Every structure is written in structure tokens, then in C-alpha cells.
Amino acid sequence: MTAAFQASLLDLADDAAPDRLAPVRALLTDGAWIDTQPGWLRGADALFERLLHSVPWRAERRQMYERVVDVPRLLAFYDEGRRLPDPVLDTMKAALDERYEDELGERFATAGLCLYRDGRDSVAWHGDRIGRSSTEDTMVAIVSIGDPRSLLLRPQGGAAAALKFELGHGDLLVMGGSCQRTWEHAVPKTARPAGPRISIQFRVRGVR
């Protein structure tokens, strides 16, 4: 069951399109950094409605210690070469490639989508460390559409207070440098009323 989505009164465009990419960079510790740009995707609510109803969302179950549990969100993954579910995602990827390819040394290759249906859906503390990101610097670009949810970011191990970002309605956050190895991020459950949110994650080849 997905909670009702409340569109933003500040995002009334019918057609989604990325704005001029001019993120603000914050340097973290151990060679990690983040770029942020609120409201980067204009018309994000229109894209949200299309993806909510057109993406073949799937539920997953995973082994957790001695039992198998439901993953508390719905997922879709578009590997390299697979057609993306909406032309706007191609436009977003092209804009991100134009901005980051020289610094990254390659283009973004895959798109992972997560649907957080309400405040009970979440993702635990983790870094995207499957593949090359376990030993190499990389970038993960996240575009959040739908109702805002908190994304928390902290140094690995939780020794310091977490940074908090309220992401939704077309906000962009890019994690770069050593961020996947030396920091971790989470979307915690919340008891506050929360409508559905879709997180779109662009990654390079060989990183999950």
C-alpha cells in the first residue's frame, strides 16, 4: 500500500527537465565530498507520477542473520545498455555526465530506483561498496522525487554526528571521492506522516 502523494505547490511544470547544474560542494573527511542542488529537476512531480505507475517495481527478500526478511522498499534496476523507464532520466544522465565526466574519468552507466511507499520504508546505514567502490573513489548521484525524506550521512562507524538532508521534489545530492568507503548513509524510518518518494541513483559501471 502506497501513501497518497502530495505534489509541491512550487513545482507546477508539466514536463520534467533538469535545471542548470550548479551544485554546491562540501568537503567531508578522508577525501570524501558531497555536492547538493535543491530543486535541480524542474517538474519533478510529473516525473514522479509517471515512474510510480510505469516502473515494474519489485519486492525483495534478503537473508538477515538467521532469517529472511522483506526489504523495506520497492526496487528497480536498469543496468548498462538497458532502456531507462522515462526519457527524462536520459536527459538527467546526460546533464550529470556533462558536469562530472572529466572529474570522474567516465560516464554514469546504471540507474537504480527505490520507492519508499511511506514512513515505514527505509534503508539502513551502508555505503555502496559492491564492486570497484570498495577500493576506488567513485561518484553516486541521487535525484529524489516525491515527498521529502531525511537522508543521513555520517563517517563510517558513527563516531560523529550525522549530517541530515531533506530530499524530495527534484533535489540532487552527489556523493564523491572516498564517500562510499569512508562514510555511510541511510534513510531512516519515521513516525511522521510521509508520502511516497522515489530515489534515482546513477552509478558508474561495476558499482552497486
Protein backbone atom coordinates (compact mmCIF):
# COMPACT_ATOMS: atom_id res chain seq x y z
CA MET A 1 0.00 0.00 0.00
CA THR A 2 1.45 3.37 -1.05
CA ALA A 3 0.54 6.52 0.84
CA ALA A 4 -1.02 9.44 -1.03
CA PHE A 5 1.44 11.76 -2.76
CA GLN A 6 1.22 15.49 -2.07
CA ALA A 7 2.57 17.50 -5.01
CA SER A 8 4.65 20.58 -4.29
CA LEU A 9 2.98 23.94 -4.91
CA LEU A 10 6.41 25.20 -6.02
CA ASP A 11 6.72 22.60 -8.80
CA LEU A 12 3.89 23.14 -11.23
CA ALA A 13 5.70 22.34 -14.51
CA ASP A 14 4.01 19.69 -16.63
CA ASP A 15 7.23 18.41 -18.20
CA ALA A 16 10.22 17.43 -16.08
CA ALA A 17 13.65 18.78 -17.07
CA PRO A 18 16.93 19.37 -15.21
CA ASP A 19 17.86 22.92 -14.36
CA ARG A 20 21.31 24.38 -14.94
CA LEU A 21 23.67 22.14 -12.99
CA ALA A 22 25.42 24.35 -10.42
CA PRO A 23 25.80 22.27 -7.26
CA VAL A 24 27.39 23.46 -4.04
CA ARG A 25 30.25 21.24 -2.83
CA ALA A 26 31.01 20.45 0.80
CA LEU A 27 34.28 18.74 1.68
CA LEU A 28 33.99 15.99 4.26
CA THR A 29 36.77 13.96 5.92
CA ASP A 30 39.17 11.40 4.44
CA GLY A 31 38.82 12.63 0.87
CA ALA A 32 35.01 12.42 0.75
CA TRP A 33 32.75 15.19 -0.56
CA ILE A 34 29.12 15.88 -1.43
CA ASP A 35 27.50 18.18 -3.99
CA THR A 36 23.94 19.40 -3.39
CA GLN A 37 21.44 21.33 -5.51
CA PRO A 38 17.89 21.69 -4.18
CA GLY A 39 15.18 21.65 -6.83
CA TRP A 40 17.54 20.66 -9.63
CA LEU A 41 14.84 18.78 -11.54
CA ARG A 42 12.03 21.09 -12.58
CA GLY A 43 8.66 19.39 -12.96
CA ALA A 44 9.79 16.53 -10.73
CA ASP A 45 6.25 15.82 -9.54
CA ALA A 46 5.15 14.97 -13.09
CA LEU A 47 8.05 12.51 -13.42
CA PHE A 48 7.21 11.01 -10.04
CA GLU A 49 3.65 10.23 -11.13
CA ARG A 50 4.85 8.60 -14.36
CA LEU A 51 7.50 6.45 -12.68
CA LEU A 52 5.20 5.44 -9.84
CA HIS A 53 2.78 3.86 -12.30
CA SER A 54 5.07 2.71 -15.14
CA VAL A 55 8.15 1.19 -13.46
CA PRO A 56 7.91 -2.58 -12.80
CA TRP A 57 8.58 -2.25 -9.08
CA ARG A 58 9.61 -5.43 -7.31
CA ALA A 59 9.79 -6.50 -3.70
CA GLU A 60 12.89 -8.35 -2.49
CA ARG A 61 13.68 -10.59 0.46
CA ARG A 62 17.17 -10.83 1.94
CA GLN A 63 18.98 -13.00 4.46
CA MET A 64 19.45 -11.19 7.77
CA TYR A 65 21.40 -13.31 10.22
CA GLU A 66 19.28 -16.44 10.74
CA ARG A 67 16.11 -15.39 8.90
CA VAL A 68 14.91 -14.00 5.58
CA VAL A 69 13.15 -10.62 5.78
CA ASP A 70 11.35 -8.27 3.39
CA VAL A 71 13.41 -5.37 2.05
CA PRO A 72 11.52 -2.29 3.35
CA ARG A 73 11.17 -0.54 -0.03
CA LEU A 74 10.43 -1.47 -3.65
CA LEU A 75 13.22 -1.63 -6.21
CA ALA A 76 14.02 -1.43 -9.92
CA PHE A 77 17.45 -1.58 -11.56
CA TYR A 78 18.45 -0.51 -15.06
CA ASP A 79 21.83 -1.95 -15.98
CA GLU A 80 24.15 -0.53 -18.60
CA GLY A 81 22.58 -0.73 -22.04
CA ARG A 82 19.04 -1.24 -20.74
CA ARG A 83 16.49 1.36 -21.78
CA LEU A 84 15.63 3.75 -18.96
CA PRO A 85 11.95 3.94 -17.96
CA ASP A 86 11.43 7.59 -18.95
CA PRO A 87 13.20 9.95 -21.39
CA VAL A 88 13.72 12.45 -18.57
CA LEU A 89 16.15 10.01 -16.94
CA ASP A 90 18.22 10.04 -20.13
CA THR A 91 18.24 13.85 -20.01
CA MET A 92 19.26 13.82 -16.35
CA LYS A 93 22.05 11.33 -17.01
CA ALA A 94 23.35 13.43 -19.93
CA ALA A 95 23.45 16.55 -17.72
CA LEU A 96 25.30 14.68 -14.96
CA ASP A 97 27.76 13.22 -17.47
CA GLU A 98 28.44 16.68 -18.89
CA ARG A 99 29.14 18.07 -15.43
CA TYR A 100 31.13 15.18 -13.92
CA GLU A 101 32.72 13.10 -16.68
CA ASP A 102 36.04 14.97 -16.69
CA GLU A 103 36.36 14.74 -12.90
CA LEU A 104 35.08 11.18 -12.72
CA GLY A 105 37.01 9.87 -15.71
CA GLU A 106 33.98 8.02 -17.07
CA ARG A 107 30.24 8.35 -17.56
CA PHE A 108 27.44 7.15 -15.34
CA ALA A 109 26.28 3.74 -16.56
CA THR A 110 23.39 2.41 -14.45
CA ALA A 111 20.26 3.69 -12.74
CA GLY A 112 18.80 2.20 -9.59
CA LEU A 113 15.35 3.25 -8.41
CA CYS A 114 13.93 2.84 -4.89
CA LEU A 115 10.31 3.51 -3.97
CA TYR A 116 9.75 4.44 -0.33
CA ARG A 117 5.99 3.97 -0.01
CA ASP A 118 5.57 5.66 3.39
CA GLY A 119 7.46 6.34 6.60
CA ARG A 120 7.83 2.64 7.34
CA ASP A 121 10.07 2.10 4.32
CA SER A 122 13.76 2.75 4.88
CA VAL A 123 17.36 1.79 4.15
CA ALA A 124 19.88 1.04 6.91
CA TRP A 125 23.34 2.57 7.26
CA HIS A 126 25.55 1.46 4.38
CA GLY A 127 27.99 2.52 1.68
CA ASP A 128 27.71 1.49 -1.97
CA ARG A 129 30.77 -0.74 -1.69
CA ILE A 130 29.96 -3.62 -4.05
CA GLY A 131 32.49 -3.66 -6.88
CA ARG A 132 35.20 -1.10 -7.58
CA SER A 133 33.91 1.35 -4.99
CA SER A 134 35.32 -0.88 -2.23
CA THR A 135 38.85 0.18 -3.26
CA GLU A 136 38.46 3.17 -5.62
CA ASP A 137 36.98 6.66 -5.43
CA THR A 138 33.71 6.97 -7.32
CA MET A 139 30.51 9.01 -7.52
CA VAL A 140 26.87 8.19 -6.83
CA ALA A 141 24.35 10.82 -7.95
CA ILE A 142 20.94 10.71 -6.25
CA VAL A 143 17.88 12.58 -7.53
CA SER A 144 14.93 12.48 -5.13
CA ILE A 145 11.37 12.97 -6.34
CA GLY A 146 8.12 12.77 -4.41
CA ASP A 147 7.63 13.67 -0.75
CA PRO A 148 10.83 14.69 1.06
CA ARG A 149 12.53 12.16 3.33
CA SER A 150 15.61 12.51 5.50
CA LEU A 151 18.88 11.16 4.15
CA LEU A 152 21.52 10.88 6.88
CA LEU A 153 25.26 10.83 6.24
CA ARG A 154 27.96 10.04 8.81
CA PRO A 155 31.59 8.87 8.95
CA GLN A 156 31.88 5.10 8.85
CA GLY A 157 31.33 3.65 12.32
CA GLY A 158 29.14 6.51 13.53
CA ALA A 159 31.76 8.22 15.68
CA ALA A 160 30.48 11.69 14.74
CA ALA A 161 27.04 13.26 14.49
CA ALA A 162 25.22 12.60 11.23
CA LEU A 163 24.55 15.22 8.59
CA LYS A 164 20.86 15.44 7.61
CA PHE A 165 19.37 16.32 4.23
CA GLU A 166 15.64 16.56 3.45
CA LEU A 167 15.44 15.33 -0.14
CA GLY A 168 12.43 15.33 -2.44
CA HIS A 169 10.71 17.23 -5.28
CA GLY A 170 13.75 17.12 -7.60
CA ASP A 171 16.64 17.66 -5.16
CA LEU A 172 20.10 16.43 -6.20
CA LEU A 173 22.82 15.02 -3.94
CA VAL A 174 26.09 13.63 -5.34
CA MET A 175 28.47 11.65 -3.13
CA GLY A 176 32.04 11.62 -4.43
CA GLY A 177 35.66 10.94 -3.62
CA SER A 178 36.05 8.30 -0.91
CA CYS A 179 32.48 8.81 0.34
CA GLN A 180 31.31 5.23 -0.28
CA ARG A 181 34.29 3.77 1.59
CA THR A 182 34.76 6.23 4.44
CA TRP A 183 31.21 7.47 5.06
CA GLU A 184 27.83 5.74 5.19
CA HIS A 185 24.28 6.91 4.52
CA ALA A 186 20.75 5.90 5.49
CA VAL A 187 17.09 6.78 5.06
CA PRO A 188 15.59 6.05 8.48
CA LYS A 189 12.00 5.10 9.26
CA THR A 190 9.85 7.94 10.51
CA ALA A 191 6.68 8.13 12.58
CA ARG A 192 5.80 11.48 10.98
CA PRO A 193 3.28 11.41 8.10
CA ALA A 194 5.30 10.68 4.95
CA GLY A 195 4.05 10.25 1.42
CA PRO A 196 5.84 8.20 -1.24
CA ARG A 197 9.30 9.12 -2.50
CA ILE A 198 11.40 7.75 -5.36
CA SER A 199 15.19 7.83 -5.17
CA ILE A 200 17.01 7.64 -8.54
CA GLN A 201 20.67 6.66 -8.19
CA PHE A 202 23.10 6.98 -11.09
CA ARG A 203 26.32 4.97 -10.74
CA VAL A 204 29.32 4.06 -12.90
CA ARG A 205 29.98 0.62 -14.30
CA GLY A 206 30.82 -2.03 -11.70
CA VAL A 207 29.50 -0.19 -8.63
CA ARG A 208 26.40 -1.12 -6.59
